[in-house]
PDB file of all heavy atoms in Angstrom:
ATOM      1  N   GLU A   1       0.848  -1.189   0.000  1.00  0.00           N
ATOM      2  CA  GLU A   1       0.000   0.000   0.000  1.00  0.00           C
ATOM      3  C   GLU A   1       0.886   1.242   0.000  1.00  0.00           C
ATOM      4  O   GLU A   1       1.919   1.278   0.674  1.00  0.00           O
ATOM      5  CB  GLU A   1      -0.902   0.018   1.228  1.00  0.00           C
ATOM      6  CG  GLU A   1      -1.922  -1.102   1.256  1.00  0.00           C
ATOM      7  CD  GLU A   1      -3.089  -0.840   0.310  1.00  0.00           C
ATOM      8  OE1 GLU A   1      -3.164   0.270  -0.251  1.00  0.00           O
ATOM      9  OE2 GLU A   1      -3.924  -1.738   0.155  1.00  0.00           O
ATOM     10  N   ALA A   2       0.487   2.251  -0.764  1.00  0.00           N
ATOM     11  CA  ALA A   2       1.316   3.449  -0.873  1.00  0.00           C
ATOM     12  C   ALA A   2       0.462   4.702  -0.893  1.00  0.00           C
ATOM     13  O   ALA A   2      -0.523   4.780  -1.626  1.00  0.00           O
ATOM     14  CB  ALA A   2       2.163   3.375  -2.147  1.00  0.00           C
ATOM     15  N   ASN A   3       0.847   5.680  -0.081  1.00  0.00           N
ATOM     16  CA  ASN A   3       0.323   7.026  -0.205  1.00  0.00           C
ATOM     17  C   ASN A   3       1.311   7.822  -1.042  1.00  0.00           C
ATOM     18  O   ASN A   3       2.504   7.875  -0.719  1.00  0.00           O
ATOM     19  CB  ASN A   3       0.188   7.687   1.173  1.00  0.00           C
ATOM     20  CG  ASN A   3      -0.816   6.984   2.065  1.00  0.00           C
ATOM     21  OD1 ASN A   3      -2.004   6.960   1.771  1.00  0.00           O
ATOM     22  ND2 ASN A   3      -0.343   6.395   3.159  1.00  0.00           N
ATOM     23  N   LEU A   4       0.846   8.429  -2.120  1.00  0.00           N
ATOM     24  CA  LEU A   4       1.694   9.227  -3.003  1.00  0.00           C
ATOM     25  C   LEU A   4       1.190  10.667  -2.959  1.00  0.00           C
ATOM     26  O   LEU A   4       0.144  10.982  -3.530  1.00  0.00           O
ATOM     27  CB  LEU A   4       1.668   8.658  -4.424  1.00  0.00           C
ATOM     28  CG  LEU A   4       2.201   7.226  -4.564  1.00  0.00           C
ATOM     29  CD1 LEU A   4       1.928   6.669  -5.949  1.00  0.00           C
ATOM     30  CD2 LEU A   4       3.692   7.185  -4.258  1.00  0.00           C
ATOM     31  N   LEU A   5       1.924  11.517  -2.261  1.00  0.00           N
ATOM     32  CA  LEU A   5       1.467  12.861  -1.957  1.00  0.00           C
ATOM     33  C   LEU A   5       2.335  13.910  -2.655  1.00  0.00           C
ATOM     34  O   LEU A   5       3.561  13.757  -2.717  1.00  0.00           O
ATOM     35  CB  LEU A   5       1.515  13.105  -0.443  1.00  0.00           C
ATOM     36  CG  LEU A   5       0.839  12.070   0.456  1.00  0.00           C
ATOM     37  CD1 LEU A   5       1.047  12.438   1.918  1.00  0.00           C
ATOM     38  CD2 LEU A   5      -0.650  11.963   0.129  1.00  0.00           C
ATOM     39  N   PRO A   6       1.728  14.994  -3.153  1.00  0.00           N
ATOM     40  CA  PRO A   6       2.529  16.082  -3.721  1.00  0.00           C
ATOM     41  C   PRO A   6       3.316  16.772  -2.620  1.00  0.00           C
ATOM     42  O   PRO A   6       2.773  17.091  -1.551  1.00  0.00           O
ATOM     43  CB  PRO A   6       1.476  17.005  -4.342  1.00  0.00           C
ATOM     44  CG  PRO A   6       0.224  16.729  -3.571  1.00  0.00           C
ATOM     45  CD  PRO A   6       0.283  15.276  -3.203  1.00  0.00           C
ATOM     46  N   ALA A   7       4.613  16.993  -2.867  1.00  0.00           N
ATOM     47  CA  ALA A   7       5.468  17.587  -1.841  1.00  0.00           C
ATOM     48  C   ALA A   7       6.545  18.443  -2.501  1.00  0.00           C
ATOM     49  O   ALA A   7       6.798  18.341  -3.698  1.00  0.00           O
ATOM     50  CB  ALA A   7       6.110  16.489  -0.990  1.00  0.00           C
ATOM     51  N   THR A   8       7.168  19.270  -1.713  1.00  0.00           N
ATOM     52  CA  THR A   8       8.352  19.995  -2.158  1.00  0.00           C
ATOM     53  C   THR A   8       9.491  19.678  -1.202  1.00  0.00           C
ATOM     54  O   THR A   8       9.259  19.294  -0.042  1.00  0.00           O
ATOM     55  CB  THR A   8       8.112  21.517  -2.199  1.00  0.00           C
ATOM     56  OG1 THR A   8       7.722  21.965  -0.899  1.00  0.00           O
ATOM     57  CG2 THR A   8       7.042  21.870  -3.212  1.00  0.00           C
ATOM     58  N   TYR A   9      10.703  19.833  -1.700  1.00  0.00           N
ATOM     59  CA  TYR A   9      11.891  19.616  -0.864  1.00  0.00           C
ATOM     60  C   TYR A   9      12.692  20.906  -0.884  1.00  0.00           C
ATOM     61  O   TYR A   9      12.974  21.464  -1.955  1.00  0.00           O
ATOM     62  CB  TYR A   9      12.713  18.458  -1.414  1.00  0.00           C
ATOM     63  CG  TYR A   9      13.884  18.089  -0.537  1.00  0.00           C
ATOM     64  CD1 TYR A   9      13.683  17.375   0.631  1.00  0.00           C
ATOM     65  CD2 TYR A   9      15.194  18.470  -0.866  1.00  0.00           C
ATOM     66  CE1 TYR A   9      14.748  17.028   1.458  1.00  0.00           C
ATOM     67  CE2 TYR A   9      16.261  18.127  -0.059  1.00  0.00           C
ATOM     68  CZ  TYR A   9      16.030  17.411   1.115  1.00  0.00           C
ATOM     69  OH  TYR A   9      17.092  17.073   1.933  1.00  0.00           O
ATOM     70  N   HIS A  10      13.048  21.399   0.323  1.00  0.00           N
ATOM     71  CA  HIS A  10      13.780  22.656   0.391  1.00  0.00           C
ATOM     72  C   HIS A  10      14.694  22.655   1.608  1.00  0.00           C
ATOM     73  O   HIS A  10      14.232  22.535   2.754  1.00  0.00           O
ATOM     74  CB  HIS A  10      12.788  23.833   0.478  1.00  0.00           C
ATOM     75  CG  HIS A  10      13.451  25.173   0.492  1.00  0.00           C
ATOM     76  ND1 HIS A  10      14.162  25.680  -0.574  1.00  0.00           N
ATOM     77  CD2 HIS A  10      13.512  26.129   1.471  1.00  0.00           C
ATOM     78  CE1 HIS A  10      14.625  26.874  -0.290  1.00  0.00           C
ATOM     79  NE2 HIS A  10      14.251  27.179   0.953  1.00  0.00           N
ATOM     80  N   ARG A  11      15.991  22.720   1.317  1.00  0.00           N
ATOM     81  CA  ARG A  11      16.996  22.855   2.366  1.00  0.00           C
ATOM     82  C   ARG A  11      16.831  21.832   3.490  1.00  0.00           C
ATOM     83  O   ARG A  11      16.777  22.175   4.674  1.00  0.00           O
ATOM     84  CB  ARG A  11      16.982  24.274   2.927  1.00  0.00           C
ATOM     85  CG  ARG A  11      17.386  25.331   1.905  1.00  0.00           C
ATOM     86  CD  ARG A  11      17.476  26.697   2.535  1.00  0.00           C
ATOM     87  NE  ARG A  11      17.904  27.687   1.536  1.00  0.00           N
ATOM     88  CZ  ARG A  11      18.088  28.984   1.817  1.00  0.00           C
ATOM     89  NH1 ARG A  11      17.853  29.440   3.043  1.00  0.00           N
ATOM     90  NH2 ARG A  11      18.483  29.822   0.855  1.00  0.00           N
ATOM     91  N   GLY A  12      16.741  20.557   3.107  1.00  0.00           N
ATOM     92  CA  GLY A  12      16.705  19.489   4.097  1.00  0.00           C
ATOM     93  C   GLY A  12      15.362  19.225   4.725  1.00  0.00           C
ATOM     94  O   GLY A  12      15.275  18.489   5.718  1.00  0.00           O
ATOM     95  N   GLU A  13      14.317  19.805   4.157  1.00  0.00           N
ATOM     96  CA  GLU A  13      12.972  19.554   4.686  1.00  0.00           C
ATOM     97  C   GLU A  13      12.024  19.136   3.573  1.00  0.00           C
ATOM     98  O   GLU A  13      12.058  19.687   2.462  1.00  0.00           O
ATOM     99  CB  GLU A  13      12.398  20.804   5.354  1.00  0.00           C
ATOM    100  CG  GLU A  13      12.943  21.106   6.726  1.00  0.00           C
ATOM    101  CD  GLU A  13      12.166  22.227   7.389  1.00  0.00           C
ATOM    102  OE1 GLU A  13      11.732  23.164   6.679  1.00  0.00           O
ATOM    103  OE2 GLU A  13      11.979  22.177   8.616  1.00  0.00           O
ATOM    104  N   VAL A  14      11.149  18.178   3.892  1.00  0.00           N
ATOM    105  CA  VAL A  14      10.023  17.840   3.026  1.00  0.00           C
ATOM    106  C   VAL A  14       8.831  18.661   3.497  1.00  0.00           C
ATOM    107  O   VAL A  14       8.538  18.711   4.704  1.00  0.00           O
ATOM    108  CB  VAL A  14       9.682  16.342   3.101  1.00  0.00           C
ATOM    109  CG1 VAL A  14       8.399  16.040   2.328  1.00  0.00           C
ATOM    110  CG2 VAL A  14      10.821  15.505   2.547  1.00  0.00           C
ATOM    111  N   VAL A  15       8.141  19.286   2.543  1.00  0.00           N
ATOM    112  CA  VAL A  15       6.985  20.105   2.888  1.00  0.00           C
ATOM    113  C   VAL A  15       5.752  19.531   2.199  1.00  0.00           C
ATOM    114  O   VAL A  15       5.709  19.413   0.966  1.00  0.00           O
ATOM    115  CB  VAL A  15       7.183  21.574   2.453  1.00  0.00           C
ATOM    116  CG1 VAL A  15       5.975  22.410   2.878  1.00  0.00           C
ATOM    117  CG2 VAL A  15       8.469  22.136   3.047  1.00  0.00           C
ATOM    118  N   VAL A  16       4.758  19.120   3.002  1.00  0.00           N
ATOM    119  CA  VAL A  16       3.486  18.608   2.499  1.00  0.00           C
ATOM    120  C   VAL A  16       2.389  19.490   3.085  1.00  0.00           C
ATOM    121  O   VAL A  16       2.126  19.438   4.293  1.00  0.00           O
ATOM    122  CB  VAL A  16       3.256  17.139   2.906  1.00  0.00           C
ATOM    123  CG1 VAL A  16       1.956  16.616   2.307  1.00  0.00           C
ATOM    124  CG2 VAL A  16       4.427  16.261   2.486  1.00  0.00           C
ATOM    125  N   ALA A  17       1.777  20.322   2.238  1.00  0.00           N
ATOM    126  CA  ALA A  17       0.806  21.318   2.710  1.00  0.00           C
ATOM    127  C   ALA A  17       1.484  22.173   3.785  1.00  0.00           C
ATOM    128  O   ALA A  17       2.491  22.804   3.512  1.00  0.00           O
ATOM    129  CB  ALA A  17      -0.468  20.647   3.192  1.00  0.00           C
ATOM    130  N   THR A  18       0.977  22.135   5.017  1.00  0.00           N
ATOM    131  CA  THR A  18       1.577  22.935   6.098  1.00  0.00           C
ATOM    132  C   THR A  18       2.558  22.118   6.956  1.00  0.00           C
ATOM    133  O   THR A  18       3.133  22.654   7.913  1.00  0.00           O
ATOM    134  CB  THR A  18       0.471  23.489   7.006  1.00  0.00           C
ATOM    135  OG1 THR A  18      -0.304  22.393   7.520  1.00  0.00           O
ATOM    136  CG2 THR A  18      -0.447  24.432   6.232  1.00  0.00           C
ATOM    137  N   TYR A  19       2.721  20.862   6.636  1.00  0.00           N
ATOM    138  CA  TYR A  19       3.572  19.959   7.435  1.00  0.00           C
ATOM    139  C   TYR A  19       5.003  19.997   6.896  1.00  0.00           C
ATOM    140  O   TYR A  19       5.245  19.766   5.713  1.00  0.00           O
ATOM    141  CB  TYR A  19       2.995  18.551   7.380  1.00  0.00           C
ATOM    142  CG  TYR A  19       3.775  17.482   8.113  1.00  0.00           C
ATOM    143  CD1 TYR A  19       4.506  17.771   9.265  1.00  0.00           C
ATOM    144  CD2 TYR A  19       3.748  16.164   7.660  1.00  0.00           C
ATOM    145  CE1 TYR A  19       5.187  16.784   9.946  1.00  0.00           C
ATOM    146  CE2 TYR A  19       4.426  15.163   8.331  1.00  0.00           C
ATOM    147  CZ  TYR A  19       5.156  15.475   9.467  1.00  0.00           C
ATOM    148  OH  TYR A  19       5.836  14.499  10.132  1.00  0.00           O
ATOM    149  N   ARG A  20       5.969  20.271   7.774  1.00  0.00           N
ATOM    150  CA  ARG A  20       7.380  20.307   7.417  1.00  0.00           C
ATOM    151  C   ARG A  20       8.106  19.232   8.205  1.00  0.00           C
ATOM    152  O   ARG A  20       7.966  19.131   9.435  1.00  0.00           O
ATOM    153  CB  ARG A  20       7.981  21.689   7.709  1.00  0.00           C
ATOM    154  CG  ARG A  20       7.195  22.838   7.091  1.00  0.00           C
ATOM    155  CD  ARG A  20       7.796  24.188   7.444  1.00  0.00           C
ATOM    156  NE  ARG A  20       9.020  24.426   6.689  1.00  0.00           N
ATOM    157  CZ  ARG A  20       9.053  25.038   5.504  1.00  0.00           C
ATOM    158  NH1 ARG A  20       7.921  25.461   4.940  1.00  0.00           N
ATOM    159  NH2 ARG A  20      10.196  25.243   4.881  1.00  0.00           N
ATOM    160  N   LEU A  21       8.905  18.437   7.495  1.00  0.00           N
ATOM    161  CA  LEU A  21       9.568  17.288   8.115  1.00  0.00           C
ATOM    162  C   LEU A  21      11.033  17.250   7.695  1.00  0.00           C
ATOM    163  O   LEU A  21      11.334  17.156   6.498  1.00  0.00           O
ATOM    164  CB  LEU A  21       8.869  15.987   7.678  1.00  0.00           C
ATOM    165  CG  LEU A  21       9.488  14.666   8.119  1.00  0.00           C
ATOM    166  CD1 LEU A  21       9.374  14.510   9.637  1.00  0.00           C
ATOM    167  CD2 LEU A  21       8.781  13.493   7.431  1.00  0.00           C
ATOM    168  N   PRO A  22      11.982  17.328   8.629  1.00  0.00           N
ATOM    169  CA  PRO A  22      13.402  17.207   8.277  1.00  0.00           C
ATOM    170  C   PRO A  22      13.669  15.839   7.634  1.00  0.00           C
ATOM    171  O   PRO A  22      13.209  14.804   8.140  1.00  0.00           O
ATOM    172  CB  PRO A  22      14.119  17.324   9.627  1.00  0.00           C
ATOM    173  CG  PRO A  22      13.149  18.029  10.517  1.00  0.00           C
ATOM    174  CD  PRO A  22      11.790  17.576  10.072  1.00  0.00           C
ATOM    175  N   TYR A  23      14.405  15.854   6.502  1.00  0.00           N
ATOM    176  CA  TYR A  23      14.590  14.597   5.762  1.00  0.00           C
ATOM    177  C   TYR A  23      15.799  14.715   4.849  1.00  0.00           C
ATOM    178  O   TYR A  23      16.036  15.764   4.244  1.00  0.00           O
ATOM    179  CB  TYR A  23      13.335  14.301   4.931  1.00  0.00           C
ATOM    180  CG  TYR A  23      13.405  13.013   4.129  1.00  0.00           C
ATOM    181  CD1 TYR A  23      13.397  11.779   4.765  1.00  0.00           C
ATOM    182  CD2 TYR A  23      13.496  13.044   2.740  1.00  0.00           C
ATOM    183  CE1 TYR A  23      13.467  10.604   4.043  1.00  0.00           C
ATOM    184  CE2 TYR A  23      13.557  11.866   2.004  1.00  0.00           C
ATOM    185  CZ  TYR A  23      13.549  10.649   2.663  1.00  0.00           C
ATOM    186  OH  TYR A  23      13.622   9.491   1.940  1.00  0.00           O
ATOM    187  N   GLN A  24      16.557  13.630   4.754  1.00  0.00           N
ATOM    188  CA  GLN A  24      17.710  13.565   3.865  1.00  0.00           C
ATOM    189  C   GLN A  24      17.598  12.322   2.981  1.00  0.00           C
ATOM    190  O   GLN A  24      17.234  11.249   3.458  1.00  0.00           O
ATOM    191  CB  GLN A  24      19.019  13.495   4.673  1.00  0.00           C
ATOM    192  CG  GLN A  24      19.293  14.712   5.547  1.00  0.00           C
ATOM    193  CD  GLN A  24      19.556  15.962   4.726  1.00  0.00           C
ATOM    194  OE1 GLN A  24      20.120  15.894   3.630  1.00  0.00           O
ATOM    195  NE2 GLN A  24      19.141  17.113   5.257  1.00  0.00           N
ATOM    196  N   GLN A  25      17.890  12.504   1.695  1.00  0.00           N
ATOM    197  CA  GLN A  25      17.893  11.383   0.750  1.00  0.00           C
ATOM    198  C   GLN A  25      18.926  11.672  -0.337  1.00  0.00           C
ATOM    199  O   GLN A  25      18.948  12.767  -0.910  1.00  0.00           O
ATOM    200  CB  GLN A  25      16.501  11.205   0.123  1.00  0.00           C
ATOM    201  CG  GLN A  25      16.386  10.042  -0.850  1.00  0.00           C
ATOM    202  CD  GLN A  25      14.964   9.865  -1.362  1.00  0.00           C
ATOM    203  OE1 GLN A  25      13.994   9.989  -0.616  1.00  0.00           O
ATOM    204  NE2 GLN A  25      14.830   9.592  -2.648  1.00  0.00           N
ATOM    205  N   GLU A  26      19.747  10.701  -0.625  1.00  0.00           N
ATOM    206  CA  GLU A  26      20.808  10.893  -1.610  1.00  0.00           C
ATOM    207  C   GLU A  26      20.221  11.237  -2.983  1.00  0.00           C
ATOM    208  O   GLU A  26      19.254  10.623  -3.434  1.00  0.00           O
ATOM    209  CB  GLU A  26      21.650   9.614  -1.718  1.00  0.00           C
ATOM    210  CG  GLU A  26      22.865   9.746  -2.618  1.00  0.00           C
ATOM    211  CD  GLU A  26      23.703   8.481  -2.653  1.00  0.00           C
ATOM    212  OE1 GLU A  26      23.434   7.564  -1.854  1.00  0.00           O
ATOM    213  OE2 GLU A  26      24.621   8.417  -3.494  1.00  0.00           O
ATOM    214  N   GLY A  27      20.829  12.250  -3.629  1.00  0.00           N
ATOM    215  CA  GLY A  27      20.429  12.615  -4.981  1.00  0.00           C
ATOM    216  C   GLY A  27      19.249  13.558  -5.062  1.00  0.00           C
ATOM    217  O   GLY A  27      18.803  13.890  -6.165  1.00  0.00           O
ATOM    218  N   ILE A  28      18.729  14.010  -3.926  1.00  0.00           N
ATOM    219  CA  ILE A  28      17.552  14.887  -3.930  1.00  0.00           C
ATOM    220  C   ILE A  28      17.994  16.349  -3.937  1.00  0.00           C
ATOM    221  O   ILE A  28      18.862  16.760  -3.168  1.00  0.00           O
ATOM    222  CB  ILE A  28      16.669  14.608  -2.690  1.00  0.00           C
ATOM    223  CG1 ILE A  28      16.136  13.173  -2.744  1.00  0.00           C
ATOM    224  CG2 ILE A  28      15.517  15.596  -2.621  1.00  0.00           C
ATOM    225  CD1 ILE A  28      15.289  12.867  -3.951  1.00  0.00           C
ATOM    226  N   THR A  29      17.373  17.140  -4.799  1.00  0.00           N
ATOM    227  CA  THR A  29      17.632  18.576  -4.858  1.00  0.00           C
ATOM    228  C   THR A  29      16.342  19.335  -4.564  1.00  0.00           C
ATOM    229  O   THR A  29      15.246  18.765  -4.609  1.00  0.00           O
ATOM    230  CB  THR A  29      18.150  18.975  -6.251  1.00  0.00           C
ATOM    231  OG1 THR A  29      17.183  18.574  -7.245  1.00  0.00           O
ATOM    232  CG2 THR A  29      19.478  18.308  -6.556  1.00  0.00           C
TER     233      THR A  29
END
């Protein structure tokens, strides 16, 4: 099962709507 949500990545954070989550993944800009 998978939730596939629109998100942005900015300076080490994933942003989903108003939710901001610190996150690191190789190759992500």
